[in-house]
Every structure is written in structure tokens, then in C-alpha cells.
PDB file of N, CA and C in Angstrom:
ATOM      1  N   UNK A   1       0.948  -1.264   0.066  1.00  0.00           N
ATOM      2  CA  UNK A   1       0.123   0.187   0.067  1.00  0.00           C
ATOM      3  C   UNK A   1       1.025   1.338  -0.061  1.00  0.00           C
ATOM      4  N   UNK A   2       0.126   2.415  -0.091  1.00  0.00           N
ATOM      5  CA  UNK A   2       1.158   3.704  -0.080  1.00  0.00           C
ATOM      6  C   UNK A   2       1.398   4.339   1.235  1.00  0.00           C
ATOM      7  N   UNK A   3       2.334   4.786   1.157  1.00  0.00           N
ATOM      8  CA  UNK A   3       2.840   5.620   2.539  1.00  0.00           C
ATOM      9  C   UNK A   3       2.712   6.969   2.330  1.00  0.00           C
ATOM     10  N   UNK A   4       1.696   7.306   2.762  1.00  0.00           N
ATOM     11  CA  UNK A   4       1.467   8.965   2.542  1.00  0.00           C
ATOM     12  C   UNK A   4       2.102   9.959   3.195  1.00  0.00           C
ATOM     13  N   UNK A   5       3.279   9.371   4.026  1.00  0.00           N
ATOM     14  CA  UNK A   5       4.174  10.155   4.662  1.00  0.00           C
ATOM     15  C   UNK A   5       5.269  10.657   3.486  1.00  0.00           C
ATOM     16  N   UNK A   6       4.913   9.979   2.400  1.00  0.00           N
ATOM     17  CA  UNK A   6       6.362  10.522   1.249  1.00  0.00           C
ATOM     18  C   UNK A   6       5.372  11.216   0.362  1.00  0.00           C
ATOM     19  N   UNK A   7       4.386  11.994   0.622  1.00  0.00           N
ATOM     20  CA  UNK A   7       3.366  12.945  -0.546  1.00  0.00           C
ATOM     21  C   UNK A   7       2.550  13.748   0.642  1.00  0.00           C
ATOM     22  N   UNK A   8       3.145  15.183   0.336  1.00  0.00           N
ATOM     23  CA  UNK A   8       2.293  15.899   1.311  1.00  0.00           C
ATOM     24  C   UNK A   8       0.909  16.342   0.653  1.00  0.00           C
ATOM     25  N   UNK A   9       0.621  16.209  -0.738  1.00  0.00           N
ATOM     26  CA  UNK A   9      -0.623  16.158  -1.577  1.00  0.00           C
ATOM     27  C   UNK A   9      -1.856  15.041  -1.112  1.00  0.00           C
ATOM     28  N   UNK A  10      -1.324  13.647  -0.530  1.00  0.00           N
ATOM     29  CA  UNK A  10      -2.377  12.931  -0.294  1.00  0.00           C
ATOM     30  C   UNK A  10      -3.444  13.399   0.792  1.00  0.00           C
ATOM     31  N   UNK A  11      -4.564  13.325   0.082  1.00  0.00           N
ATOM     32  CA  UNK A  11      -5.795  13.711   1.436  1.00  0.00           C
ATOM     33  C   UNK A  11      -5.781  12.937   2.429  1.00  0.00           C
ATOM     34  N   UNK A  12      -5.791  13.315   3.662  1.00  0.00           N
ATOM     35  CA  UNK A  12      -5.851  12.769   4.753  1.00  0.00           C
ATOM     36  C   UNK A  12      -7.479  12.275   5.062  1.00  0.00           C
ATOM     37  N   UNK A  13      -7.733  10.993   5.529  1.00  0.00           N
ATOM     38  CA  UNK A  13      -8.576  10.183   5.862  1.00  0.00           C
ATOM     39  C   UNK A  13      -9.155   9.632   4.772  1.00  0.00           C
ATOM     40  N   UNK A  14     -10.414   8.904   4.539  1.00  0.00           N
ATOM     41  CA  UNK A  14     -10.429   7.763   3.910  1.00  0.00           C
ATOM     42  C   UNK A  14     -10.707   8.046   2.539  1.00  0.00           C
ATOM     43  N   UNK A  15     -10.674   7.057   1.411  1.00  0.00           N
ATOM     44  CA  UNK A  15     -10.557   7.502   0.235  1.00  0.00           C
ATOM     45  C   UNK A  15     -11.814   8.294  -0.499  1.00  0.00           C
ATOM     46  N   UNK A  16     -12.099   8.782  -1.271  1.00  0.00           N
ATOM     47  CA  UNK A  16     -12.979   9.757  -1.687  1.00  0.00           C
ATOM     48  C   UNK A  16     -14.354   8.642  -2.338  1.00  0.00           C
ATOM     49  N   UNK A  17     -15.449   8.767  -2.280  1.00  0.00           N
ATOM     50  CA  UNK A  17     -16.853   7.868  -2.833  1.00  0.00           C
ATOM     51  C   UNK A  17     -16.974   8.251  -4.424  1.00  0.00           C
ATOM     52  N   UNK A  18     -16.587   7.397  -5.179  1.00  0.00           N
ATOM     53  CA  UNK A  18     -16.524   7.482  -6.500  1.00  0.00           C
ATOM     54  C   UNK A  18     -17.607   7.504  -6.925  1.00  0.00           C
ATOM     55  N   UNK A  19     -17.907   8.952  -7.686  1.00  0.00           N
ATOM     56  CA  UNK A  19     -19.097   9.649  -8.347  1.00  0.00           C
ATOM     57  C   UNK A  19     -20.114   8.662  -9.077  1.00  0.00           C
ATOM     58  N   UNK A  20     -19.324   8.222  -9.954  1.00  0.00           N
ATOM     59  CA  UNK A  20     -19.507   7.246 -10.990  1.00  0.00           C
ATOM     60  C   UNK A  20     -19.399   5.785 -10.896  1.00  0.00           C
ATOM     61  N   UNK A  21     -19.551   5.241 -10.031  1.00  0.00           N
ATOM     62  CA  UNK A  21     -18.662   3.521  -9.925  1.00  0.00           C
ATOM     63  C   UNK A  21     -18.689   2.969 -11.168  1.00  0.00           C
ATOM     64  N   UNK A  22     -19.693   3.326 -11.934  1.00  0.00           N
ATOM     65  CA  UNK A  22     -19.423   2.036 -13.903  1.00  0.00           C
ATOM     66  C   UNK A  22     -18.571   2.651 -14.567  1.00  0.00           C
ATOM     67  N   UNK A  23     -17.927   3.705 -14.459  1.00  0.00           N
ATOM     68  CA  UNK A  23     -16.826   3.914 -15.534  1.00  0.00           C
ATOM     69  C   UNK A  23     -16.791   5.497 -15.183  1.00  0.00           C
ATOM     70  N   UNK A  24     -15.874   6.098 -16.316  1.00  0.00           N
ATOM     71  CA  UNK A  24     -15.362   7.445 -16.511  1.00  0.00           C
ATOM     72  C   UNK A  24     -16.754   8.129 -16.811  1.00  0.00           C
ATOM     73  N   UNK A  25     -16.857   9.291 -15.695  1.00  0.00           N
ATOM     74  CA  UNK A  25     -17.708  10.237 -15.892  1.00  0.00           C
ATOM     75  C   UNK A  25     -18.352  10.715 -17.123  1.00  0.00           C
ATOM     76  N   UNK A  26     -17.108  11.251 -18.018  1.00  0.00           N
ATOM     77  CA  UNK A  26     -17.217  11.998 -19.319  1.00  0.00           C
ATOM     78  C   UNK A  26     -17.443  11.064 -20.359  1.00  0.00           C
ATOM     79  N   UNK A  27     -16.997  10.128 -20.091  1.00  0.00           N
ATOM     80  CA  UNK A  27     -17.435   8.632 -21.389  1.00  0.00           C
ATOM     81  C   UNK A  27     -18.616   8.401 -21.339  1.00  0.00           C
ATOM     82  N   UNK A  28     -18.718   7.977 -20.023  1.00  0.00           N
ATOM     83  CA  UNK A  28     -20.437   7.380 -19.709  1.00  0.00           C
ATOM     84  C   UNK A  28     -20.911   8.467 -20.499  1.00  0.00           C
ATOM     85  N   UNK A  29     -21.040  10.358 -19.973  1.00  0.00           N
ATOM     86  CA  UNK A  29     -21.981  10.943 -20.684  1.00  0.00           C
ATOM     87  C   UNK A  29     -22.206  11.124 -21.749  1.00  0.00           C
ATOM     88  N   UNK A  30     -20.883  10.993 -22.593  1.00  0.00           N
ATOM     89  CA  UNK A  30     -20.484  11.074 -23.938  1.00  0.00           C
ATOM     90  C   UNK A  30     -20.777   9.595 -24.923  1.00  0.00           C
ATOM     91  N   UNK A  31     -20.799   8.834 -24.231  1.00  0.00           N
ATOM     92  CA  UNK A  31     -20.751   7.235 -25.229  1.00  0.00           C
ATOM     93  C   UNK A  31     -18.846   7.032 -25.625  1.00  0.00           C
ATOM     94  N   UNK A  32     -18.410   7.695 -24.773  1.00  0.00           N
ATOM     95  CA  UNK A  32     -16.994   7.173 -24.994  1.00  0.00           C
ATOM     96  C   UNK A  32     -16.532   5.782 -24.560  1.00  0.00           C
ATOM     97  N   UNK A  33     -15.322   5.393 -24.720  1.00  0.00           N
ATOM     98  CA  UNK A  33     -14.958   4.286 -24.143  1.00  0.00           C
ATOM     99  C   UNK A  33     -13.696   4.667 -23.526  1.00  0.00           C
ATOM    100  N   UNK A  34     -12.961   3.613 -22.478  1.00  0.00           N
ATOM    101  CA  UNK A  34     -11.771   3.776 -21.934  1.00  0.00           C
ATOM    102  C   UNK A  34     -10.985   2.311 -21.765  1.00  0.00           C
ATOM    103  N   UNK A  35      -9.736   2.611 -21.178  1.00  0.00           N
ATOM    104  CA  UNK A  35      -8.741   1.594 -20.883  1.00  0.00           C
ATOM    105  C   UNK A  35      -9.043   1.003 -19.597  1.00  0.00           C
ATOM    106  N   UNK A  36      -8.429   2.191 -18.622  1.00  0.00           N
ATOM    107  CA  UNK A  36      -8.587   1.818 -17.207  1.00  0.00           C
ATOM    108  C   UNK A  36      -9.283   3.091 -16.370  1.00  0.00           C
ATOM    109  N   UNK A  37      -9.446   2.831 -15.092  1.00  0.00           N
ATOM    110  CA  UNK A  37     -10.157   4.113 -15.020  1.00  0.00           C
ATOM    111  C   UNK A  37      -9.221   4.624 -13.512  1.00  0.00           C
ATOM    112  N   UNK A  38      -9.392   5.818 -13.200  1.00  0.00           N
ATOM    113  CA  UNK A  38      -8.459   6.391 -12.025  1.00  0.00           C
ATOM    114  C   UNK A  38      -9.551   7.087 -11.232  1.00  0.00           C
ATOM    115  N   UNK A  39      -9.571   7.281  -9.835  1.00  0.00           N
ATOM    116  CA  UNK A  39     -10.127   7.988  -8.846  1.00  0.00           C
ATOM    117  C   UNK A  39      -9.599   9.296  -8.140  1.00  0.00           C
ATOM    118  N   UNK A  40     -10.088  10.131  -8.454  1.00  0.00           N
ATOM    119  CA  UNK A  40      -9.490  11.274  -7.678  1.00  0.00           C
ATOM    120  C   UNK A  40      -9.891  11.190  -6.345  1.00  0.00           C
ATOM    121  N   UNK A  41      -9.100  11.450  -5.490  1.00  0.00           N
ATOM    122  CA  UNK A  41      -9.418  11.349  -3.513  1.00  0.00           C
ATOM    123  C   UNK A  41      -9.560  12.342  -3.154  1.00  0.00           C
ATOM    124  N   UNK A  42      -9.934  13.472  -3.942  1.00  0.00           N
ATOM    125  CA  UNK A  42     -10.226  14.692  -3.768  1.00  0.00           C
ATOM    126  C   UNK A  42     -11.825  15.032  -3.804  1.00  0.00           C
ATOM    127  N   UNK A  43     -12.254  14.234  -4.988  1.00  0.00           N
ATOM    128  CA  UNK A  43     -13.548  14.717  -5.109  1.00  0.00           C
ATOM    129  C   UNK A  43     -14.163  13.605  -5.484  1.00  0.00           C
ATOM    130  N   UNK A  44     -13.669  12.519  -5.841  1.00  0.00           N
ATOM    131  CA  UNK A  44     -14.342  11.300  -6.075  1.00  0.00           C
ATOM    132  C   UNK A  44     -14.980  11.111  -7.283  1.00  0.00           C
ATOM    133  N   UNK A  45     -14.176  11.894  -8.490  1.00  0.00           N
ATOM    134  CA  UNK A  45     -14.053  11.860  -9.964  1.00  0.00           C
ATOM    135  C   UNK A  45     -13.508  10.536 -10.780  1.00  0.00           C
ATOM    136  N   UNK A  46     -14.393   9.956 -11.294  1.00  0.00           N
ATOM    137  CA  UNK A  46     -13.764   8.705 -11.755  1.00  0.00           C
ATOM    138  C   UNK A  46     -13.475   9.147 -13.408  1.00  0.00           C
ATOM    139  N   UNK A  47     -12.155   8.982 -13.734  1.00  0.00           N
ATOM    140  CA  UNK A  47     -11.944   9.356 -15.193  1.00  0.00           C
ATOM    141  C   UNK A  47     -10.729   8.405 -15.755  1.00  0.00           C
ATOM    142  N   UNK A  48     -10.910   8.535 -17.030  1.00  0.00           N
ATOM    143  CA  UNK A  48     -10.115   7.373 -17.945  1.00  0.00           C
ATOM    144  C   UNK A  48      -8.959   7.789 -17.938  1.00  0.00           C
ATOM    145  N   UNK A  49      -7.905   6.753 -18.030  1.00  0.00           N
ATOM    146  CA  UNK A  49      -6.313   6.931 -18.002  1.00  0.00           C
ATOM    147  C   UNK A  49      -5.769   7.351 -19.163  1.00  0.00           C
ATOM    148  N   UNK A  50      -4.618   7.718 -19.248  1.00  0.00           N
ATOM    149  CA  UNK A  50      -3.795   8.606 -20.442  1.00  0.00           C
ATOM    150  C   UNK A  50      -3.704   7.319 -21.387  1.00  0.00           C
ATOM    151  N   UNK A  51      -4.022   5.653 -21.336  1.00  0.00           N
ATOM    152  CA  UNK A  51      -4.192   5.070 -22.141  1.00  0.00           C
ATOM    153  C   UNK A  51      -5.646   5.236 -23.141  1.00  0.00           C
ATOM    154  N   UNK A  52      -6.445   5.704 -22.348  1.00  0.00           N
ATOM    155  CA  UNK A  52      -7.898   5.500 -22.931  1.00  0.00           C
ATOM    156  C   UNK A  52      -7.911   6.727 -24.234  1.00  0.00           C
ATOM    157  N   UNK A  53      -8.873   7.111 -25.191  1.00  0.00           N
ATOM    158  CA  UNK A  53      -8.525   7.942 -26.218  1.00  0.00           C
ATOM    159  C   UNK A  53      -8.859   9.490 -25.591  1.00  0.00           C
ATOM    160  N   UNK A  54      -9.392   9.542 -24.263  1.00  0.00           N
ATOM    161  CA  UNK A  54      -9.712  11.070 -23.845  1.00  0.00           C
ATOM    162  C   UNK A  54      -9.216  11.540 -22.767  1.00  0.00           C
ATOM    163  N   UNK A  55      -8.516  10.506 -21.944  1.00  0.00           N
ATOM    164  CA  UNK A  55      -7.567  10.922 -21.084  1.00  0.00           C
ATOM    165  C   UNK A  55      -8.296  11.861 -20.041  1.00  0.00           C
ATOM    166  N   UNK A  56      -9.544  11.574 -19.430  1.00  0.00           N
ATOM    167  CA  UNK A  56     -10.405  12.401 -18.942  1.00  0.00           C
ATOM    168  C   UNK A  56      -9.539  12.389 -17.341  1.00  0.00           C
ATOM    169  N   UNK A  57      -9.244  11.658 -16.850  1.00  0.00           N
ATOM    170  CA  UNK A  57      -8.278  11.666 -15.434  1.00  0.00           C
ATOM    171  C   UNK A  57      -7.309  12.864 -15.734  1.00  0.00           C
ATOM    172  N   UNK A  58      -6.464  12.918 -16.305  1.00  0.00           N
ATOM    173  CA  UNK A  58      -5.506  13.936 -16.409  1.00  0.00           C
ATOM    174  C   UNK A  58      -6.185  15.195 -16.717  1.00  0.00           C
ATOM    175  N   UNK A  59      -7.224  15.129 -17.740  1.00  0.00           N
ATOM    176  CA  UNK A  59      -8.159  16.322 -17.663  1.00  0.00           C
ATOM    177  C   UNK A  59      -8.661  16.860 -16.512  1.00  0.00           C
ATOM    178  N   UNK A  60      -9.097  16.140 -15.767  1.00  0.00           N
ATOM    179  CA  UNK A  60      -9.613  16.509 -14.523  1.00  0.00           C
ATOM    180  C   UNK A  60      -8.412  17.026 -13.528  1.00  0.00           C
ATOM    181  N   UNK A  61      -7.409  16.494 -13.528  1.00  0.00           N
ATOM    182  CA  UNK A  61      -6.476  17.132 -12.758  1.00  0.00           C
ATOM    183  C   UNK A  61      -6.129  18.761 -13.577  1.00  0.00           C
ATOM    184  N   UNK A  62      -5.545  18.678 -14.886  1.00  0.00           N
ATOM    185  CA  UNK A  62      -5.646  19.818 -15.513  1.00  0.00           C
ATOM    186  C   UNK A  62      -6.706  21.092 -15.285  1.00  0.00           C
ATOM    187  N   UNK A  63      -7.984  20.916 -14.956  1.00  0.00           N
ATOM    188  CA  UNK A  63      -8.959  21.590 -15.035  1.00  0.00           C
ATOM    189  C   UNK A  63      -9.181  22.015 -13.378  1.00  0.00           C
ATOM    190  N   UNK A  64      -8.937  20.989 -12.226  1.00  0.00           N
ATOM    191  CA  UNK A  64      -8.982  21.122 -10.926  1.00  0.00           C
ATOM    192  C   UNK A  64      -7.751  21.602 -10.311  1.00  0.00           C
ATOM    193  N   UNK A  65      -7.135  20.977 -10.464  1.00  0.00           N
ATOM    194  CA  UNK A  65      -5.653  20.555  -9.882  1.00  0.00           C
ATOM    195  C   UNK A  65      -5.544  19.823  -8.525  1.00  0.00           C
ATOM    196  N   UNK A  66      -6.640  18.891  -8.439  1.00  0.00           N
ATOM    197  CA  UNK A  66      -6.524  17.783  -7.323  1.00  0.00           C
ATOM    198  C   UNK A  66      -5.274  17.190  -7.513  1.00  0.00           C
ATOM    199  N   UNK A  67      -4.742  16.945  -6.639  1.00  0.00           N
ATOM    200  CA  UNK A  67      -3.171  16.433  -7.045  1.00  0.00           C
ATOM    201  C   UNK A  67      -3.002  14.968  -6.940  1.00  0.00           C
ATOM    202  N   UNK A  68      -3.852  13.902  -6.346  1.00  0.00           N
ATOM    203  CA  UNK A  68      -3.869  12.594  -6.003  1.00  0.00           C
ATOM    204  C   UNK A  68      -4.924  11.804  -6.886  1.00  0.00           C
ATOM    205  N   UNK A  69      -4.580  10.798  -7.566  1.00  0.00           N
ATOM    206  CA  UNK A  69      -5.676   9.833  -8.186  1.00  0.00           C
ATOM    207  C   UNK A  69      -5.291   8.538  -8.017  1.00  0.00           C
ATOM    208  N   UNK A  70      -5.997   7.888  -7.809  1.00  0.00           N
ATOM    209  CA  UNK A  70      -5.835   6.262  -7.266  1.00  0.00           C
ATOM    210  C   UNK A  70      -6.291   5.304  -8.424  1.00  0.00           C
ATOM    211  N   UNK A  71      -5.785   4.162  -8.884  1.00  0.00           N
ATOM    212  CA  UNK A  71      -6.390   3.267 -10.050  1.00  0.00           C
ATOM    213  C   UNK A  71      -7.764   3.113  -9.081  1.00  0.00           C
ATOM    214  N   UNK A  72      -8.412   2.964 -10.104  1.00  0.00           N
ATOM    215  CA  UNK A  72     -10.118   2.436  -9.641  1.00  0.00           C
ATOM    216  C   UNK A  72     -10.176   1.280 -10.542  1.00  0.00           C
ATOM    217  N   UNK A  73      -9.030   0.145 -10.706  1.00  0.00           N
ATOM    218  CA  UNK A  73      -9.199  -1.052 -11.137  1.00  0.00           C
ATOM    219  C   UNK A  73      -9.377  -2.101  -9.933  1.00  0.00           C
ATOM    220  N   UNK A  74     -10.334  -2.979 -10.178  1.00  0.00           N
ATOM    221  CA  UNK A  74     -10.261  -4.072  -9.146  1.00  0.00           C
ATOM    222  C   UNK A  74      -8.854  -4.809  -8.907  1.00  0.00           C
ATOM    223  N   UNK A  75      -8.472  -5.025  -7.591  1.00  0.00           N
ATOM    224  CA  UNK A  75      -6.824  -5.433  -7.328  1.00  0.00           C
ATOM    225  C   UNK A  75      -5.934  -4.519  -7.100  1.00  0.00           C
ATOM    226  N   UNK A  76      -6.268  -3.280  -7.569  1.00  0.00           N
ATOM    227  CA  UNK A  76      -5.165  -2.230  -7.743  1.00  0.00           C
ATOM    228  C   UNK A  76      -5.283  -1.197  -6.513  1.00  0.00           C
ATOM    229  N   UNK A  77      -4.185  -0.928  -6.144  1.00  0.00           N
ATOM    230  CA  UNK A  77      -4.208   0.159  -4.846  1.00  0.00           C
ATOM    231  C   UNK A  77      -3.264   1.306  -5.073  1.00  0.00           C
ATOM    232  N   UNK A  78      -2.789   1.154  -5.948  1.00  0.00           N
ATOM    233  CA  UNK A  78      -1.476   2.333  -6.445  1.00  0.00           C
ATOM    234  C   UNK A  78      -2.380   3.664  -6.509  1.00  0.00           C
ATOM    235  N   UNK A  79      -1.184   4.983  -6.496  1.00  0.00           N
ATOM    236  CA  UNK A  79      -1.624   6.062  -6.182  1.00  0.00           C
ATOM    237  C   UNK A  79      -0.497   7.182  -6.930  1.00  0.00           C
ATOM    238  N   UNK A  80      -0.947   7.694  -7.796  1.00  0.00           N
ATOM    239  CA  UNK A  80      -0.121   8.996  -8.663  1.00  0.00           C
ATOM    240  C   UNK A  80      -0.401  10.560  -8.163  1.00  0.00           C
ATOM    241  N   UNK A  81       0.440  11.065  -7.925  1.00  0.00           N
ATOM    242  CA  UNK A  81       0.757  12.506  -7.530  1.00  0.00           C
ATOM    243  C   UNK A  81       1.068  13.088  -8.820  1.00  0.00           C
ATOM    244  N   UNK A  82       0.099  13.944  -9.373  1.00  0.00           N
ATOM    245  CA  UNK A  82       0.283  14.698 -10.624  1.00  0.00           C
ATOM    246  C   UNK A  82       1.549  15.725 -10.129  1.00  0.00           C
ATOM    247  N   UNK A  83       1.278  16.228  -9.235  1.00  0.00           N
ATOM    248  CA  UNK A  83       2.279  17.278  -8.533  1.00  0.00           C
ATOM    249  C   UNK A  83       3.432  17.236  -8.737  1.00  0.00           C
ATOM    250  N   UNK A  84       3.690  15.801  -7.855  1.00  0.00           N
ATOM    251  CA  UNK A  84       5.214  15.442  -7.634  1.00  0.00           C
ATOM    252  C   UNK A  84       5.587  14.403  -8.894  1.00  0.00           C
ATOM    253  N   UNK A  85       4.852  14.098 -10.118  1.00  0.00           N
ATOM    254  CA  UNK A  85       4.730  13.326 -10.897  1.00  0.00           C
ATOM    255  C   UNK A  85       5.323  11.685 -10.522  1.00  0.00           C
ATOM    256  N   UNK A  86       4.877  11.032  -9.751  1.00  0.00           N
ATOM    257  CA  UNK A  86       5.480   9.969  -8.888  1.00  0.00           C
ATOM    258  C   UNK A  86       4.343   9.257  -8.360  1.00  0.00           C
ATOM    259  N   UNK A  87       4.655   8.138  -8.139  1.00  0.00           N
ATOM    260  CA  UNK A  87       3.593   7.266  -7.318  1.00  0.00           C
ATOM    261  C   UNK A  87       4.183   7.192  -5.977  1.00  0.00           C
ATOM    262  N   UNK A  88       2.928   7.518  -5.418  1.00  0.00           N
ATOM    263  CA  UNK A  88       2.795   7.891  -3.694  1.00  0.00           C
ATOM    264  C   UNK A  88       2.197   6.583  -3.157  1.00  0.00           C
TER     265      UNK A  88
END
């Protein structure tokens, strides 16, 4: 699991609740497709990864500056800090 002491951007407390647990928020609305999903730990936005056509998780960071997202794939618990540009 992650060591939150290594990144000041990891929010304290529980992981955010997914706003759209069935998939990428924007892709579900537009009929798009995704490869893998990422969960914003600040607000619960679910976005598609950078291997997906629309890269909504990174787009969400660029719009909101919410720094840390976590894989939303079953069995994965890694986190990425956009500010530090590394796994946390």
C-alpha cells in the first residue's frame, strides 16, 4: 500500500467515494470508451487513464488541480501524484 508520509498531497482520511462507480464520468455521458479508470482522491471523480482516447483523469487534474488519483481497477491500490509526478 502507499506511504502517505512520502507525499504531502495525499488527502487525509478515507478515499473519496466514486461519483460514477460504473465508469469514466465523461465517457459515460458522451458514449466514449476507456481502457482503465482512475479515482480522484479529492472529489471522487472517476476518469479514464492516459491510455484511453480522451484521458479524462489527466484532464480532471488540469482543470481542478486535485493532485492525487488512485487506480480504480479491481485489485489495484496504487496512487499517482500529478504535482510530484510520481507514485505515492
